[in-house]
Amino acid sequence: MVIVDKSGVHRLEIRCCECPNAMSPDIQMFRHGFFPASFNRPKTVFTFRVLNDFLLDSLECGTSAMNYYSKLRRMTSSMFPHLVPDRYRELMRVARQWRQLKTMKWHGFGHRSDNPSTGELALFCPACPQPWD
């Protein structure tokens, strides 16, 4: 399995619990701080650390996903970054999902079953005109 972490891109063997009462592999991975790139038979996971770091880098520094992943490849193998597995597309998709999950959590929808209605995920802006009710 390919694990993308803040320290680089690594190949490790991961085995999930297969006991009769065990949770599904994707839930087991979430519980251990891994976000699977796919849910049927994951071959790539991103750590919560790398997703939080990318979220902050893209917000504060304007770092693109391509530049961020290039940095991870260079950190993994400074001499041969082209030999590091290319998981750029997976990073793009997982980062969008991660940002949506974080937004839901920040606005109090993390443990509720109802969906947010229009405008409930927007931050209050005191500079914007407000309706006179």
N, C-alpha and C. Protein backbone atom coordinates (compact mmCIF):
# COMPACT_ATOMS: atom_id res chain seq x y z
N MET A 1 0.85 -1.18 0.00
CA MET A 1 0.00 0.00 0.00
C MET A 1 0.89 1.24 0.00
N VAL A 2 0.45 2.27 -0.69
CA VAL A 2 1.18 3.53 -0.73
C VAL A 2 0.58 4.45 0.34
N ILE A 3 1.44 4.94 1.23
CA ILE A 3 1.01 5.84 2.29
C ILE A 3 1.64 7.20 2.02
N VAL A 4 0.80 8.21 1.87
CA VAL A 4 1.28 9.57 1.64
C VAL A 4 1.19 10.30 2.98
N ASP A 5 2.35 10.70 3.48
CA ASP A 5 2.43 11.38 4.78
C ASP A 5 3.16 12.70 4.59
N LYS A 6 3.15 13.51 5.63
CA LYS A 6 3.85 14.79 5.63
C LYS A 6 5.35 14.61 5.38
N SER A 7 5.87 13.45 5.73
CA SER A 7 7.31 13.19 5.58
C SER A 7 7.65 12.62 4.20
N GLY A 8 6.65 12.29 3.38
CA GLY A 8 6.92 11.75 2.05
C GLY A 8 5.94 10.66 1.67
N VAL A 9 6.28 9.96 0.59
CA VAL A 9 5.44 8.89 0.05
C VAL A 9 6.13 7.57 0.35
N HIS A 10 5.43 6.67 1.02
CA HIS A 10 6.04 5.42 1.48
C HIS A 10 5.22 4.22 1.03
N ARG A 11 5.90 3.11 0.81
CA ARG A 11 5.24 1.83 0.52
C ARG A 11 5.37 0.95 1.75
N LEU A 12 4.23 0.55 2.30
CA LEU A 12 4.21 -0.33 3.47
C LEU A 12 3.09 -1.34 3.29
N GLU A 13 3.26 -2.48 3.92
CA GLU A 13 2.20 -3.47 3.91
C GLU A 13 1.30 -3.23 5.11
N ILE A 14 0.02 -3.14 4.86
CA ILE A 14 -0.96 -2.92 5.92
C ILE A 14 -1.98 -4.04 5.86
N ARG A 15 -2.28 -4.58 7.01
CA ARG A 15 -3.31 -5.63 7.09
C ARG A 15 -4.39 -5.15 8.04
N CYS A 16 -5.60 -5.23 7.58
CA CYS A 16 -6.74 -4.85 8.41
C CYS A 16 -7.26 -6.08 9.14
N CYS A 17 -7.91 -5.84 10.26
CA CYS A 17 -8.50 -6.92 11.03
C CYS A 17 -9.61 -7.58 10.22
N GLU A 18 -9.58 -8.90 10.16
CA GLU A 18 -10.59 -9.64 9.40
C GLU A 18 -11.43 -10.54 10.31
N CYS A 19 -11.49 -10.21 11.58
CA CYS A 19 -12.30 -10.98 12.52
C CYS A 19 -13.78 -10.86 12.13
N PRO A 20 -14.61 -11.79 12.59
CA PRO A 20 -16.03 -11.75 12.23
C PRO A 20 -16.74 -10.45 12.61
N ASN A 21 -16.38 -9.86 13.74
CA ASN A 21 -17.04 -8.64 14.20
C ASN A 21 -16.29 -7.37 13.81
N ALA A 22 -15.29 -7.49 12.97
CA ALA A 22 -14.44 -6.34 12.62
C ALA A 22 -15.20 -5.35 11.75
N MET A 23 -14.81 -4.09 11.89
CA MET A 23 -15.37 -3.04 11.04
C MET A 23 -14.79 -3.18 9.64
N SER A 24 -15.40 -2.50 8.70
CA SER A 24 -14.90 -2.54 7.32
C SER A 24 -13.50 -1.93 7.27
N PRO A 25 -12.68 -2.33 6.30
CA PRO A 25 -11.30 -1.82 6.22
C PRO A 25 -11.21 -0.30 6.14
N ASP A 26 -12.13 0.36 5.43
CA ASP A 26 -12.04 1.82 5.33
C ASP A 26 -12.29 2.48 6.69
N ILE A 27 -13.22 1.95 7.47
CA ILE A 27 -13.48 2.50 8.81
C ILE A 27 -12.28 2.25 9.72
N GLN A 28 -11.66 1.09 9.62
CA GLN A 28 -10.46 0.80 10.41
C GLN A 28 -9.36 1.80 10.08
N MET A 29 -9.21 2.10 8.81
CA MET A 29 -8.18 3.06 8.41
C MET A 29 -8.47 4.45 8.95
N PHE A 30 -9.73 4.88 8.87
CA PHE A 30 -10.10 6.19 9.42
C PHE A 30 -9.78 6.26 10.91
N ARG A 31 -10.06 5.19 11.63
CA ARG A 31 -9.80 5.17 13.07
C ARG A 31 -8.32 5.28 13.40
N HIS A 32 -7.45 4.89 12.47
CA HIS A 32 -6.01 4.96 12.69
C HIS A 32 -5.37 6.18 12.03
N GLY A 33 -6.19 7.11 11.55
CA GLY A 33 -5.66 8.36 11.01
C GLY A 33 -5.29 8.31 9.54
N PHE A 34 -5.87 7.37 8.80
CA PHE A 34 -5.61 7.27 7.37
C PHE A 34 -6.90 7.55 6.60
N PHE A 35 -6.78 8.32 5.52
CA PHE A 35 -7.92 8.58 4.64
C PHE A 35 -7.69 7.81 3.36
N PRO A 36 -8.46 6.74 3.11
CA PRO A 36 -8.24 5.94 1.90
C PRO A 36 -8.62 6.70 0.64
N ALA A 37 -7.83 6.50 -0.41
CA ALA A 37 -8.10 7.16 -1.69
C ALA A 37 -9.27 6.51 -2.41
N SER A 38 -9.59 5.27 -2.06
CA SER A 38 -10.78 4.60 -2.58
C SER A 38 -11.34 3.76 -1.44
N PHE A 39 -12.58 3.34 -1.57
CA PHE A 39 -13.21 2.66 -0.45
C PHE A 39 -13.45 1.17 -0.69
N ASN A 40 -13.38 0.70 -1.92
CA ASN A 40 -13.61 -0.72 -2.17
C ASN A 40 -12.40 -1.55 -1.77
N ARG A 41 -11.28 -1.34 -2.43
CA ARG A 41 -10.02 -2.01 -2.08
C ARG A 41 -8.91 -0.97 -2.13
N PRO A 42 -8.74 -0.22 -1.04
CA PRO A 42 -7.77 0.88 -1.06
C PRO A 42 -6.34 0.40 -1.29
N LYS A 43 -5.66 1.08 -2.17
CA LYS A 43 -4.24 0.82 -2.43
C LYS A 43 -3.38 2.02 -2.03
N THR A 44 -4.04 3.15 -1.78
CA THR A 44 -3.36 4.37 -1.38
C THR A 44 -4.13 5.00 -0.24
N VAL A 45 -3.41 5.48 0.77
CA VAL A 45 -4.03 6.22 1.87
C VAL A 45 -3.23 7.49 2.12
N PHE A 46 -3.92 8.50 2.60
CA PHE A 46 -3.30 9.76 3.00
C PHE A 46 -3.49 9.91 4.50
N THR A 47 -2.44 10.32 5.20
CA THR A 47 -2.58 10.52 6.64
C THR A 47 -3.33 11.82 6.89
N PHE A 48 -3.99 11.89 8.03
CA PHE A 48 -4.69 13.11 8.40
C PHE A 48 -3.68 14.26 8.51
N ARG A 49 -2.45 13.95 8.93
CA ARG A 49 -1.41 14.98 9.05
C ARG A 49 -1.13 15.65 7.72
N VAL A 50 -0.97 14.85 6.66
CA VAL A 50 -0.64 15.43 5.36
C VAL A 50 -1.83 16.22 4.81
N LEU A 51 -3.04 15.76 5.06
CA LEU A 51 -4.22 16.47 4.57
C LEU A 51 -4.39 17.81 5.29
N ASN A 52 -4.17 17.83 6.60
CA ASN A 52 -4.24 19.09 7.34
C ASN A 52 -3.13 20.04 6.90
N ASP A 53 -1.94 19.50 6.67
CA ASP A 53 -0.82 20.33 6.22
C ASP A 53 -1.09 20.91 4.84
N PHE A 54 -1.62 20.11 3.93
CA PHE A 54 -1.93 20.62 2.60
C PHE A 54 -3.03 21.67 2.66
N LEU A 55 -4.04 21.44 3.50
CA LEU A 55 -5.13 22.41 3.65
C LEU A 55 -4.58 23.76 4.12
N LEU A 56 -3.69 23.73 5.09
CA LEU A 56 -3.10 24.96 5.61
C LEU A 56 -2.17 25.61 4.59
N ASP A 57 -1.35 24.81 3.92
CA ASP A 57 -0.44 25.34 2.90
C ASP A 57 -1.21 25.99 1.75
N SER A 58 -2.26 25.35 1.30
CA SER A 58 -3.01 25.91 0.18
C SER A 58 -3.76 27.17 0.60
N LEU A 59 -4.21 27.23 1.85
CA LEU A 59 -4.93 28.40 2.34
C LEU A 59 -3.99 29.58 2.58
N GLU A 60 -2.93 29.35 3.33
CA GLU A 60 -2.05 30.44 3.74
C GLU A 60 -1.00 30.82 2.70
N CYS A 61 -0.48 29.83 1.99
CA CYS A 61 0.62 30.09 1.06
C CYS A 61 0.19 30.04 -0.40
N GLY A 62 -1.04 29.62 -0.65
CA GLY A 62 -1.51 29.50 -2.03
C GLY A 62 -0.82 28.38 -2.79
N THR A 63 -0.36 27.37 -2.07
CA THR A 63 0.35 26.26 -2.70
C THR A 63 -0.62 25.40 -3.49
N SER A 64 -0.30 25.14 -4.74
CA SER A 64 -1.15 24.28 -5.55
C SER A 64 -0.91 22.82 -5.17
N ALA A 65 -1.86 21.97 -5.51
CA ALA A 65 -1.72 20.55 -5.21
C ALA A 65 -0.53 19.95 -5.95
N MET A 66 -0.30 20.40 -7.17
CA MET A 66 0.84 19.89 -7.96
C MET A 66 2.16 20.23 -7.28
N ASN A 67 2.31 21.48 -6.84
CA ASN A 67 3.55 21.88 -6.16
C ASN A 67 3.71 21.15 -4.82
N TYR A 68 2.62 20.98 -4.10
CA TYR A 68 2.70 20.29 -2.81
C TYR A 68 3.11 18.84 -3.01
N TYR A 69 2.51 18.17 -3.99
CA TYR A 69 2.87 16.77 -4.22
C TYR A 69 4.29 16.65 -4.76
N SER A 70 4.72 17.62 -5.56
CA SER A 70 6.12 17.61 -6.03
C SER A 70 7.08 17.72 -4.86
N LYS A 71 6.71 18.53 -3.87
CA LYS A 71 7.53 18.65 -2.65
C LYS A 71 7.61 17.32 -1.92
N LEU A 72 6.46 16.63 -1.80
CA LEU A 72 6.46 15.33 -1.13
C LEU A 72 7.32 14.32 -1.88
N ARG A 73 7.26 14.34 -3.20
CA ARG A 73 8.09 13.43 -4.00
C ARG A 73 9.56 13.73 -3.80
N ARG A 74 9.91 15.02 -3.75
CA ARG A 74 11.30 15.42 -3.55
C ARG A 74 11.77 15.05 -2.15
N MET A 75 10.90 15.15 -1.16
CA MET A 75 11.27 14.75 0.21
C MET A 75 11.48 13.25 0.30
N THR A 76 10.74 12.48 -0.49
CA THR A 76 10.86 11.03 -0.48
C THR A 76 12.15 10.59 -1.14
N SER A 77 12.45 11.16 -2.30
CA SER A 77 13.65 10.80 -3.04
C SER A 77 14.17 12.04 -3.75
N SER A 78 15.14 12.69 -3.13
CA SER A 78 15.66 13.94 -3.71
C SER A 78 16.44 13.69 -4.99
N MET A 79 17.03 12.52 -5.13
CA MET A 79 17.80 12.21 -6.34
C MET A 79 16.92 11.73 -7.49
N PHE A 80 15.88 10.95 -7.17
CA PHE A 80 15.03 10.36 -8.21
C PHE A 80 13.54 10.56 -7.89
N PRO A 81 13.07 11.81 -7.87
CA PRO A 81 11.66 12.02 -7.53
C PRO A 81 10.69 11.42 -8.55
N HIS A 82 11.15 11.22 -9.77
CA HIS A 82 10.28 10.64 -10.80
C HIS A 82 9.98 9.16 -10.53
N LEU A 83 10.74 8.51 -9.63
CA LEU A 83 10.48 7.11 -9.30
C LEU A 83 9.44 6.94 -8.19
N VAL A 84 9.08 8.03 -7.55
CA VAL A 84 8.06 7.99 -6.49
C VAL A 84 6.69 7.88 -7.16
N PRO A 85 5.81 7.00 -6.65
CA PRO A 85 4.49 6.83 -7.27
C PRO A 85 3.73 8.16 -7.38
N ASP A 86 3.09 8.37 -8.52
CA ASP A 86 2.34 9.60 -8.77
C ASP A 86 0.92 9.45 -8.23
N ARG A 87 0.63 10.14 -7.15
CA ARG A 87 -0.70 10.10 -6.55
C ARG A 87 -1.33 11.50 -6.53
N TYR A 88 -0.95 12.31 -7.52
CA TYR A 88 -1.46 13.69 -7.60
C TYR A 88 -2.98 13.72 -7.75
N ARG A 89 -3.53 12.92 -8.66
CA ARG A 89 -4.99 12.91 -8.87
C ARG A 89 -5.72 12.48 -7.61
N GLU A 90 -5.17 11.50 -6.93
CA GLU A 90 -5.79 11.04 -5.69
C GLU A 90 -5.75 12.15 -4.63
N LEU A 91 -4.63 12.88 -4.57
CA LEU A 91 -4.52 13.99 -3.62
C LEU A 91 -5.58 15.04 -3.91
N MET A 92 -5.79 15.35 -5.17
CA MET A 92 -6.80 16.35 -5.53
C MET A 92 -8.19 15.94 -5.03
N ARG A 93 -8.57 14.70 -5.28
CA ARG A 93 -9.90 14.23 -4.89
C ARG A 93 -10.03 14.13 -3.38
N VAL A 94 -9.05 13.53 -2.73
CA VAL A 94 -9.11 13.35 -1.28
C VAL A 94 -9.07 14.70 -0.57
N ALA A 95 -8.30 15.65 -1.08
CA ALA A 95 -8.23 16.97 -0.46
C ALA A 95 -9.59 17.68 -0.52
N ARG A 96 -10.31 17.53 -1.63
CA ARG A 96 -11.66 18.12 -1.71
C ARG A 96 -12.59 17.47 -0.69
N GLN A 97 -12.52 16.15 -0.58
CA GLN A 97 -13.37 15.45 0.39
C GLN A 97 -13.00 15.86 1.82
N TRP A 98 -11.71 15.95 2.09
CA TRP A 98 -11.23 16.33 3.42
C TRP A 98 -11.69 17.73 3.78
N ARG A 99 -11.58 18.67 2.83
CA ARG A 99 -12.01 20.05 3.08
C ARG A 99 -13.51 20.09 3.38
N GLN A 100 -14.30 19.31 2.65
CA GLN A 100 -15.74 19.27 2.89
C GLN A 100 -16.04 18.70 4.28
N LEU A 101 -15.37 17.62 4.66
CA LEU A 101 -15.58 17.04 5.98
C LEU A 101 -15.19 18.01 7.09
N LYS A 102 -14.08 18.71 6.92
CA LYS A 102 -13.64 19.69 7.92
C LYS A 102 -14.63 20.84 8.02
N THR A 103 -15.14 21.30 6.88
CA THR A 103 -16.12 22.39 6.89
C THR A 103 -17.39 21.96 7.62
N MET A 104 -17.85 20.75 7.36
CA MET A 104 -19.03 20.24 8.06
C MET A 104 -18.78 20.17 9.57
N LYS A 105 -17.60 19.72 9.95
CA LYS A 105 -17.26 19.61 11.37
C LYS A 105 -17.17 20.99 12.02
N TRP A 106 -16.51 21.94 11.34
CA TRP A 106 -16.35 23.29 11.90
C TRP A 106 -17.69 23.99 12.12
N HIS A 107 -18.69 23.64 11.32
CA HIS A 107 -19.99 24.29 11.43
C HIS A 107 -21.01 23.45 12.19
N GLY A 108 -20.55 22.45 12.91
CA GLY A 108 -21.41 21.70 13.81
C GLY A 108 -22.22 20.59 13.18
N PHE A 109 -21.87 20.15 11.99
CA PHE A 109 -22.60 19.07 11.34
C PHE A 109 -21.87 17.74 11.43
N GLY A 110 -20.82 17.67 12.24
CA GLY A 110 -20.03 16.46 12.32
C GLY A 110 -20.76 15.27 12.90
N HIS A 111 -21.68 15.52 13.82
CA HIS A 111 -22.36 14.41 14.50
C HIS A 111 -23.88 14.49 14.34
N ARG A 112 -24.32 15.16 13.29
CA ARG A 112 -25.76 15.25 13.04
C ARG A 112 -26.08 14.54 11.74
N SER A 113 -27.25 13.95 11.68
CA SER A 113 -27.63 13.21 10.48
C SER A 113 -28.30 14.10 9.43
N ASP A 114 -28.81 15.28 9.84
CA ASP A 114 -29.47 16.13 8.86
C ASP A 114 -28.45 16.88 8.01
N ASN A 115 -28.84 17.20 6.80
CA ASN A 115 -27.96 17.92 5.88
C ASN A 115 -28.07 19.42 6.14
N PRO A 116 -26.98 20.16 5.94
CA PRO A 116 -27.05 21.61 6.13
C PRO A 116 -27.94 22.25 5.06
N SER A 117 -28.68 23.27 5.47
CA SER A 117 -29.50 23.98 4.50
C SER A 117 -28.67 25.10 3.87
N THR A 118 -29.25 25.80 2.93
CA THR A 118 -28.55 26.85 2.20
C THR A 118 -27.99 27.90 3.15
N GLY A 119 -26.70 28.17 3.02
CA GLY A 119 -26.03 29.20 3.80
C GLY A 119 -25.51 28.77 5.15
N GLU A 120 -25.80 27.56 5.59
CA GLU A 120 -25.36 27.15 6.93
C GLU A 120 -23.87 26.82 7.00
N LEU A 121 -23.21 26.60 5.88
CA LEU A 121 -21.77 26.34 5.90
C LEU A 121 -20.96 27.59 5.58
N ALA A 122 -21.63 28.73 5.43
CA ALA A 122 -20.93 29.99 5.15
C ALA A 122 -20.53 30.64 6.46
N LEU A 123 -19.37 31.26 6.47
CA LEU A 123 -18.92 31.98 7.65
C LEU A 123 -19.59 33.34 7.71
N PHE A 124 -19.90 33.80 8.91
CA PHE A 124 -20.50 35.12 9.08
C PHE A 124 -19.48 36.19 8.74
N CYS A 125 -19.89 37.15 7.93
CA CYS A 125 -19.01 38.25 7.54
C CYS A 125 -19.63 39.55 8.05
N PRO A 126 -19.03 40.18 9.07
CA PRO A 126 -19.61 41.41 9.61
C PRO A 126 -19.56 42.58 8.62
N ALA A 127 -18.68 42.53 7.62
CA ALA A 127 -18.58 43.61 6.64
C ALA A 127 -19.67 43.55 5.59
N CYS A 128 -20.27 42.38 5.40
CA CYS A 128 -21.33 42.22 4.39
C CYS A 128 -22.64 42.80 4.91
N PRO A 129 -23.45 43.37 4.01
CA PRO A 129 -24.76 43.89 4.45
C PRO A 129 -25.63 42.76 4.99
N GLN A 130 -26.31 43.03 6.09
CA GLN A 130 -27.18 42.05 6.72
C GLN A 130 -28.64 42.49 6.57
N PRO A 131 -29.56 41.54 6.44
CA PRO A 131 -30.98 41.92 6.30
C PRO A 131 -31.52 42.52 7.60
N TRP A 132 -32.49 43.44 7.47
CA TRP A 132 -33.13 44.08 8.62
C TRP A 132 -34.38 43.29 8.98
N ASP A 133 -34.29 42.39 9.87
CA ASP A 133 -35.47 41.62 10.28
C ASP A 133 -36.03 42.12 11.57
